[in-house]
PDB file of N, CA and C in Angstrom:
ATOM      1  N   UNK A   1     140.769 118.889 246.213  1.00  0.00           N
ATOM      2  CA  UNK A   1     140.073 120.036 247.322  1.00  0.00           C
ATOM      3  C   UNK A   1     140.584 121.267 246.578  1.00  0.00           C
ATOM      4  N   UNK A   2     139.668 122.419 246.761  1.00  0.00           N
ATOM      5  CA  UNK A   2     140.170 123.564 246.086  1.00  0.00           C
ATOM      6  C   UNK A   2     139.953 124.643 247.336  1.00  0.00           C
ATOM      7  N   UNK A   3     140.857 125.657 247.081  1.00  0.00           N
ATOM      8  CA  UNK A   3     141.012 126.916 248.065  1.00  0.00           C
ATOM      9  C   UNK A   3     140.673 128.159 247.472  1.00  0.00           C
ATOM     10  N   UNK A   4     139.620 129.011 247.831  1.00  0.00           N
ATOM     11  CA  UNK A   4     139.194 130.098 247.252  1.00  0.00           C
ATOM     12  C   UNK A   4     139.734 131.259 248.169  1.00  0.00           C
ATOM     13  N   UNK A   5     140.607 132.304 247.768  1.00  0.00           N
ATOM     14  CA  UNK A   5     140.513 133.195 248.734  1.00  0.00           C
ATOM     15  C   UNK A   5     139.448 134.427 248.741  1.00  0.00           C
ATOM     16  N   UNK A   6     139.657 135.095 249.681  1.00  0.00           N
ATOM     17  CA  UNK A   6     138.293 136.275 249.825  1.00  0.00           C
ATOM     18  C   UNK A   6     138.193 136.739 248.447  1.00  0.00           C
ATOM     19  N   UNK A   7     139.035 137.170 247.737  1.00  0.00           N
ATOM     20  CA  UNK A   7     138.747 137.955 246.418  1.00  0.00           C
ATOM     21  C   UNK A   7     138.286 136.913 245.391  1.00  0.00           C
ATOM     22  N   UNK A   8     138.621 135.738 245.365  1.00  0.00           N
ATOM     23  CA  UNK A   8     138.058 134.752 244.573  1.00  0.00           C
ATOM     24  C   UNK A   8     136.569 134.514 244.895  1.00  0.00           C
ATOM     25  N   UNK A   9     136.303 134.504 246.160  1.00  0.00           N
ATOM     26  CA  UNK A   9     134.984 134.070 246.587  1.00  0.00           C
ATOM     27  C   UNK A   9     133.921 135.203 246.297  1.00  0.00           C
ATOM     28  N   UNK A  10     134.436 136.264 246.215  1.00  0.00           N
ATOM     29  CA  UNK A  10     133.882 137.697 245.897  1.00  0.00           C
ATOM     30  C   UNK A  10     133.478 137.683 244.224  1.00  0.00           C
ATOM     31  N   UNK A  11     134.581 137.103 243.456  1.00  0.00           N
ATOM     32  CA  UNK A  11     134.302 136.739 242.144  1.00  0.00           C
ATOM     33  C   UNK A  11     133.205 136.099 241.842  1.00  0.00           C
ATOM     34  N   UNK A  12     133.077 135.112 242.392  1.00  0.00           N
ATOM     35  CA  UNK A  12     132.337 133.907 242.136  1.00  0.00           C
ATOM     36  C   UNK A  12     130.771 134.367 242.629  1.00  0.00           C
ATOM     37  N   UNK A  13     130.864 134.981 243.812  1.00  0.00           N
ATOM     38  CA  UNK A  13     129.387 135.635 244.200  1.00  0.00           C
ATOM     39  C   UNK A  13     128.791 136.632 243.011  1.00  0.00           C
ATOM     40  N   UNK A  14     129.720 137.277 242.825  1.00  0.00           N
ATOM     41  CA  UNK A  14     129.370 138.501 241.660  1.00  0.00           C
ATOM     42  C   UNK A  14     129.049 137.680 240.119  1.00  0.00           C
ATOM     43  N   UNK A  15     129.817 136.558 239.902  1.00  0.00           N
ATOM     44  CA  UNK A  15     129.397 136.064 238.537  1.00  0.00           C
ATOM     45  C   UNK A  15     128.162 135.391 238.798  1.00  0.00           C
ATOM     46  N   UNK A  16     127.928 134.658 239.834  1.00  0.00           N
ATOM     47  CA  UNK A  16     126.694 133.797 240.024  1.00  0.00           C
ATOM     48  C   UNK A  16     125.350 134.958 240.124  1.00  0.00           C
ATOM     49  N   UNK A  17     125.655 136.122 240.833  1.00  0.00           N
ATOM     50  CA  UNK A  17     124.618 136.939 240.710  1.00  0.00           C
ATOM     51  C   UNK A  17     124.254 137.555 239.366  1.00  0.00           C
ATOM     52  N   UNK A  18     125.370 137.803 238.635  1.00  0.00           N
ATOM     53  CA  UNK A  18     125.215 138.242 237.227  1.00  0.00           C
ATOM     54  C   UNK A  18     124.283 137.749 236.463  1.00  0.00           C
ATOM     55  N   UNK A  19     124.164 136.091 236.395  1.00  0.00           N
ATOM     56  CA  UNK A  19     123.531 135.456 235.542  1.00  0.00           C
ATOM     57  C   UNK A  19     121.861 135.799 235.647  1.00  0.00           C
ATOM     58  N   UNK A  20     121.173 136.019 234.610  1.00  0.00           N
ATOM     59  CA  UNK A  20     119.642 136.418 234.695  1.00  0.00           C
ATOM     60  C   UNK A  20     118.876 134.991 234.806  1.00  0.00           C
ATOM     61  N   UNK A  21     117.962 135.024 235.402  1.00  0.00           N
ATOM     62  CA  UNK A  21     117.195 133.745 235.248  1.00  0.00           C
ATOM     63  C   UNK A  21     116.597 133.358 233.864  1.00  0.00           C
ATOM     64  N   UNK A  22     116.213 134.181 233.167  1.00  0.00           N
ATOM     65  CA  UNK A  22     116.082 133.986 231.697  1.00  0.00           C
ATOM     66  C   UNK A  22     117.182 133.176 230.863  1.00  0.00           C
ATOM     67  N   UNK A  23     118.292 133.814 231.273  1.00  0.00           N
ATOM     68  CA  UNK A  23     119.514 132.965 230.654  1.00  0.00           C
ATOM     69  C   UNK A  23     119.741 131.650 231.104  1.00  0.00           C
ATOM     70  N   UNK A  24     119.533 131.331 232.469  1.00  0.00           N
ATOM     71  CA  UNK A  24     119.565 129.943 233.019  1.00  0.00           C
ATOM     72  C   UNK A  24     118.556 129.193 232.364  1.00  0.00           C
ATOM     73  N   UNK A  25     117.284 129.705 232.353  1.00  0.00           N
ATOM     74  CA  UNK A  25     116.312 129.008 231.589  1.00  0.00           C
ATOM     75  C   UNK A  25     116.376 128.433 230.243  1.00  0.00           C
ATOM     76  N   UNK A  26     117.121 129.435 229.402  1.00  0.00           N
ATOM     77  CA  UNK A  26     117.464 129.052 228.011  1.00  0.00           C
ATOM     78  C   UNK A  26     118.423 127.699 227.980  1.00  0.00           C
ATOM     79  N   UNK A  27     119.465 127.998 228.910  1.00  0.00           N
ATOM     80  CA  UNK A  27     120.549 127.009 228.785  1.00  0.00           C
ATOM     81  C   UNK A  27     119.798 125.531 229.307  1.00  0.00           C
ATOM     82  N   UNK A  28     119.120 125.518 230.347  1.00  0.00           N
ATOM     83  CA  UNK A  28     118.376 124.353 230.619  1.00  0.00           C
ATOM     84  C   UNK A  28     117.499 123.897 229.677  1.00  0.00           C
ATOM     85  N   UNK A  29     116.675 124.612 228.986  1.00  0.00           N
ATOM     86  CA  UNK A  29     115.843 124.098 228.009  1.00  0.00           C
ATOM     87  C   UNK A  29     117.020 123.545 226.952  1.00  0.00           C
ATOM     88  N   UNK A  30     117.851 124.223 226.355  1.00  0.00           N
ATOM     89  CA  UNK A  30     118.871 123.551 225.406  1.00  0.00           C
ATOM     90  C   UNK A  30     119.194 122.394 226.068  1.00  0.00           C
ATOM     91  N   UNK A  31     119.491 122.027 227.090  1.00  0.00           N
ATOM     92  CA  UNK A  31     120.200 120.862 227.761  1.00  0.00           C
ATOM     93  C   UNK A  31     118.870 119.819 227.917  1.00  0.00           C
ATOM     94  N   UNK A  32     117.826 120.139 227.564  1.00  0.00           N
ATOM     95  CA  UNK A  32     116.640 119.171 227.687  1.00  0.00           C
ATOM     96  C   UNK A  32     115.967 118.978 229.123  1.00  0.00           C
ATOM     97  N   UNK A  33     116.400 119.969 229.903  1.00  0.00           N
ATOM     98  CA  UNK A  33     115.685 119.687 231.062  1.00  0.00           C
ATOM     99  C   UNK A  33     114.072 120.275 230.956  1.00  0.00           C
ATOM    100  N   UNK A  34     113.216 119.315 231.520  1.00  0.00           N
ATOM    101  CA  UNK A  34     111.832 119.632 231.499  1.00  0.00           C
ATOM    102  C   UNK A  34     111.774 121.093 232.304  1.00  0.00           C
ATOM    103  N   UNK A  35     110.853 121.907 231.778  1.00  0.00           N
ATOM    104  CA  UNK A  35     110.404 123.301 232.351  1.00  0.00           C
ATOM    105  C   UNK A  35     109.974 123.114 233.784  1.00  0.00           C
ATOM    106  N   UNK A  36     109.197 122.027 233.926  1.00  0.00           N
ATOM    107  CA  UNK A  36     108.625 121.911 235.274  1.00  0.00           C
ATOM    108  C   UNK A  36     109.322 121.835 236.430  1.00  0.00           C
ATOM    109  N   UNK A  37     110.822 121.358 236.185  1.00  0.00           N
ATOM    110  CA  UNK A  37     111.862 121.274 237.105  1.00  0.00           C
ATOM    111  C   UNK A  37     112.625 122.342 237.432  1.00  0.00           C
ATOM    112  N   UNK A  38     112.482 123.483 236.715  1.00  0.00           N
ATOM    113  CA  UNK A  38     113.075 124.721 236.807  1.00  0.00           C
ATOM    114  C   UNK A  38     112.996 125.417 238.165  1.00  0.00           C
ATOM    115  N   UNK A  39     111.751 125.308 238.496  1.00  0.00           N
ATOM    116  CA  UNK A  39     111.497 126.457 239.779  1.00  0.00           C
ATOM    117  C   UNK A  39     112.488 125.525 240.931  1.00  0.00           C
ATOM    118  N   UNK A  40     112.086 124.198 240.985  1.00  0.00           N
ATOM    119  CA  UNK A  40     112.860 123.471 242.077  1.00  0.00           C
ATOM    120  C   UNK A  40     114.293 123.512 242.018  1.00  0.00           C
ATOM    121  N   UNK A  41     114.860 123.630 240.708  1.00  0.00           N
ATOM    122  CA  UNK A  41     116.384 123.747 240.500  1.00  0.00           C
ATOM    123  C   UNK A  41     116.592 125.042 241.363  1.00  0.00           C
ATOM    124  N   UNK A  42     115.842 126.270 240.963  1.00  0.00           N
ATOM    125  CA  UNK A  42     116.215 127.605 241.217  1.00  0.00           C
ATOM    126  C   UNK A  42     116.013 127.580 242.964  1.00  0.00           C
ATOM    127  N   UNK A  43     115.096 127.020 243.452  1.00  0.00           N
ATOM    128  CA  UNK A  43     114.601 127.326 244.626  1.00  0.00           C
ATOM    129  C   UNK A  43     115.559 126.372 245.726  1.00  0.00           C
ATOM    130  N   UNK A  44     116.048 125.421 245.422  1.00  0.00           N
ATOM    131  CA  UNK A  44     116.671 124.323 246.136  1.00  0.00           C
ATOM    132  C   UNK A  44     118.124 124.264 245.626  1.00  0.00           C
ATOM    133  N   UNK A  45     118.624 124.852 244.762  1.00  0.00           N
ATOM    134  CA  UNK A  45     120.041 124.709 244.414  1.00  0.00           C
ATOM    135  C   UNK A  45     120.524 126.124 244.001  1.00  0.00           C
ATOM    136  N   UNK A  46     120.089 126.918 243.016  1.00  0.00           N
ATOM    137  CA  UNK A  46     120.814 127.955 242.373  1.00  0.00           C
ATOM    138  C   UNK A  46     120.599 129.049 243.725  1.00  0.00           C
ATOM    139  N   UNK A  47     119.365 129.364 244.004  1.00  0.00           N
ATOM    140  CA  UNK A  47     119.317 130.566 244.926  1.00  0.00           C
ATOM    141  C   UNK A  47     120.173 130.323 246.353  1.00  0.00           C
ATOM    142  N   UNK A  48     119.988 129.040 246.883  1.00  0.00           N
ATOM    143  CA  UNK A  48     120.809 128.863 248.109  1.00  0.00           C
ATOM    144  C   UNK A  48     122.404 128.951 247.756  1.00  0.00           C
ATOM    145  N   UNK A  49     123.032 128.396 246.564  1.00  0.00           N
ATOM    146  CA  UNK A  49     124.216 128.866 246.253  1.00  0.00           C
ATOM    147  C   UNK A  49     124.688 130.107 246.086  1.00  0.00           C
ATOM    148  N   UNK A  50     124.047 130.926 245.449  1.00  0.00           N
ATOM    149  CA  UNK A  50     123.923 132.436 245.456  1.00  0.00           C
ATOM    150  C   UNK A  50     124.302 132.864 246.901  1.00  0.00           C
ATOM    151  N   UNK A  51     123.186 132.806 247.562  1.00  0.00           N
ATOM    152  CA  UNK A  51     123.273 133.225 249.038  1.00  0.00           C
ATOM    153  C   UNK A  51     124.516 132.691 249.720  1.00  0.00           C
ATOM    154  N   UNK A  52     124.842 131.556 249.654  1.00  0.00           N
ATOM    155  CA  UNK A  52     125.837 130.978 250.309  1.00  0.00           C
ATOM    156  C   UNK A  52     127.285 131.828 250.031  1.00  0.00           C
ATOM    157  N   UNK A  53     127.585 132.063 248.730  1.00  0.00           N
ATOM    158  CA  UNK A  53     128.682 132.988 248.414  1.00  0.00           C
ATOM    159  C   UNK A  53     128.389 134.247 248.885  1.00  0.00           C
ATOM    160  N   UNK A  54     127.441 134.830 248.515  1.00  0.00           N
ATOM    161  CA  UNK A  54     127.113 136.296 249.050  1.00  0.00           C
ATOM    162  C   UNK A  54     127.284 136.470 250.442  1.00  0.00           C
ATOM    163  N   UNK A  55     126.815 135.499 251.302  1.00  0.00           N
ATOM    164  CA  UNK A  55     127.028 135.492 252.962  1.00  0.00           C
ATOM    165  C   UNK A  55     128.588 135.474 252.979  1.00  0.00           C
ATOM    166  N   UNK A  56     129.328 134.527 252.181  1.00  0.00           N
ATOM    167  CA  UNK A  56     130.824 134.311 252.582  1.00  0.00           C
ATOM    168  C   UNK A  56     131.347 135.633 252.208  1.00  0.00           C
ATOM    169  N   UNK A  57     131.050 136.225 251.227  1.00  0.00           N
ATOM    170  CA  UNK A  57     131.448 137.563 250.626  1.00  0.00           C
ATOM    171  C   UNK A  57     131.317 138.773 251.971  1.00  0.00           C
ATOM    172  N   UNK A  58     130.195 138.884 251.872  1.00  0.00           N
ATOM    173  CA  UNK A  58     130.010 139.639 253.162  1.00  0.00           C
ATOM    174  C   UNK A  58     130.516 139.579 254.429  1.00  0.00           C
ATOM    175  N   UNK A  59     130.787 138.345 254.958  1.00  0.00           N
ATOM    176  CA  UNK A  59     131.589 138.134 256.264  1.00  0.00           C
ATOM    177  C   UNK A  59     133.266 138.249 255.719  1.00  0.00           C
ATOM    178  N   UNK A  60     133.562 138.400 254.610  1.00  0.00           N
ATOM    179  CA  UNK A  60     134.903 138.168 254.253  1.00  0.00           C
ATOM    180  C   UNK A  60     135.658 136.799 254.730  1.00  0.00           C
ATOM    181  N   UNK A  61     134.903 135.902 254.060  1.00  0.00           N
ATOM    182  CA  UNK A  61     135.508 134.535 254.199  1.00  0.00           C
ATOM    183  C   UNK A  61     135.944 134.001 253.115  1.00  0.00           C
ATOM    184  N   UNK A  62     137.128 133.244 253.272  1.00  0.00           N
ATOM    185  CA  UNK A  62     137.598 132.509 252.120  1.00  0.00           C
ATOM    186  C   UNK A  62     136.924 131.063 252.032  1.00  0.00           C
ATOM    187  N   UNK A  63     137.167 130.144 251.254  1.00  0.00           N
ATOM    188  CA  UNK A  63     136.652 128.659 251.585  1.00  0.00           C
ATOM    189  C   UNK A  63     137.322 127.571 250.857  1.00  0.00           C
ATOM    190  N   UNK A  64     137.162 126.445 251.519  1.00  0.00           N
ATOM    191  CA  UNK A  64     137.786 125.456 250.958  1.00  0.00           C
ATOM    192  C   UNK A  64     136.431 124.441 250.125  1.00  0.00           C
ATOM    193  N   UNK A  65     136.483 123.919 248.915  1.00  0.00           N
ATOM    194  CA  UNK A  65     135.623 122.970 248.480  1.00  0.00           C
ATOM    195  C   UNK A  65     136.300 121.739 248.183  1.00  0.00           C
ATOM    196  N   UNK A  66     135.524 120.563 248.387  1.00  0.00           N
ATOM    197  CA  UNK A  66     135.872 119.438 248.201  1.00  0.00           C
ATOM    198  C   UNK A  66     134.807 118.554 247.473  1.00  0.00           C
ATOM    199  N   UNK A  67     135.144 118.203 246.177  1.00  0.00           N
ATOM    200  CA  UNK A  67     134.304 117.439 245.467  1.00  0.00           C
ATOM    201  C   UNK A  67     134.408 115.939 245.169  1.00  0.00           C
ATOM    202  N   UNK A  68     134.852 115.525 246.286  1.00  0.00           N
ATOM    203  CA  UNK A  68     135.489 113.883 246.190  1.00  0.00           C
ATOM    204  C   UNK A  68     134.027 113.219 246.788  1.00  0.00           C
TER     205      UNK A  68
END
């Protein structure tokens, strides 16, 4: 389990927001993911993740993450 304090959550939110879609597309293409999958990945994974961290930052929340 990981704990991120308010400042760490803000740093993560900023880092996620700083990625350009073009840069992500280049990385996905390099890894062999088919381009038809990109929009699905952005709409259902990347954008919600960015919004989640931005909302947490706006509310001044820390967070726990468990990848078990």
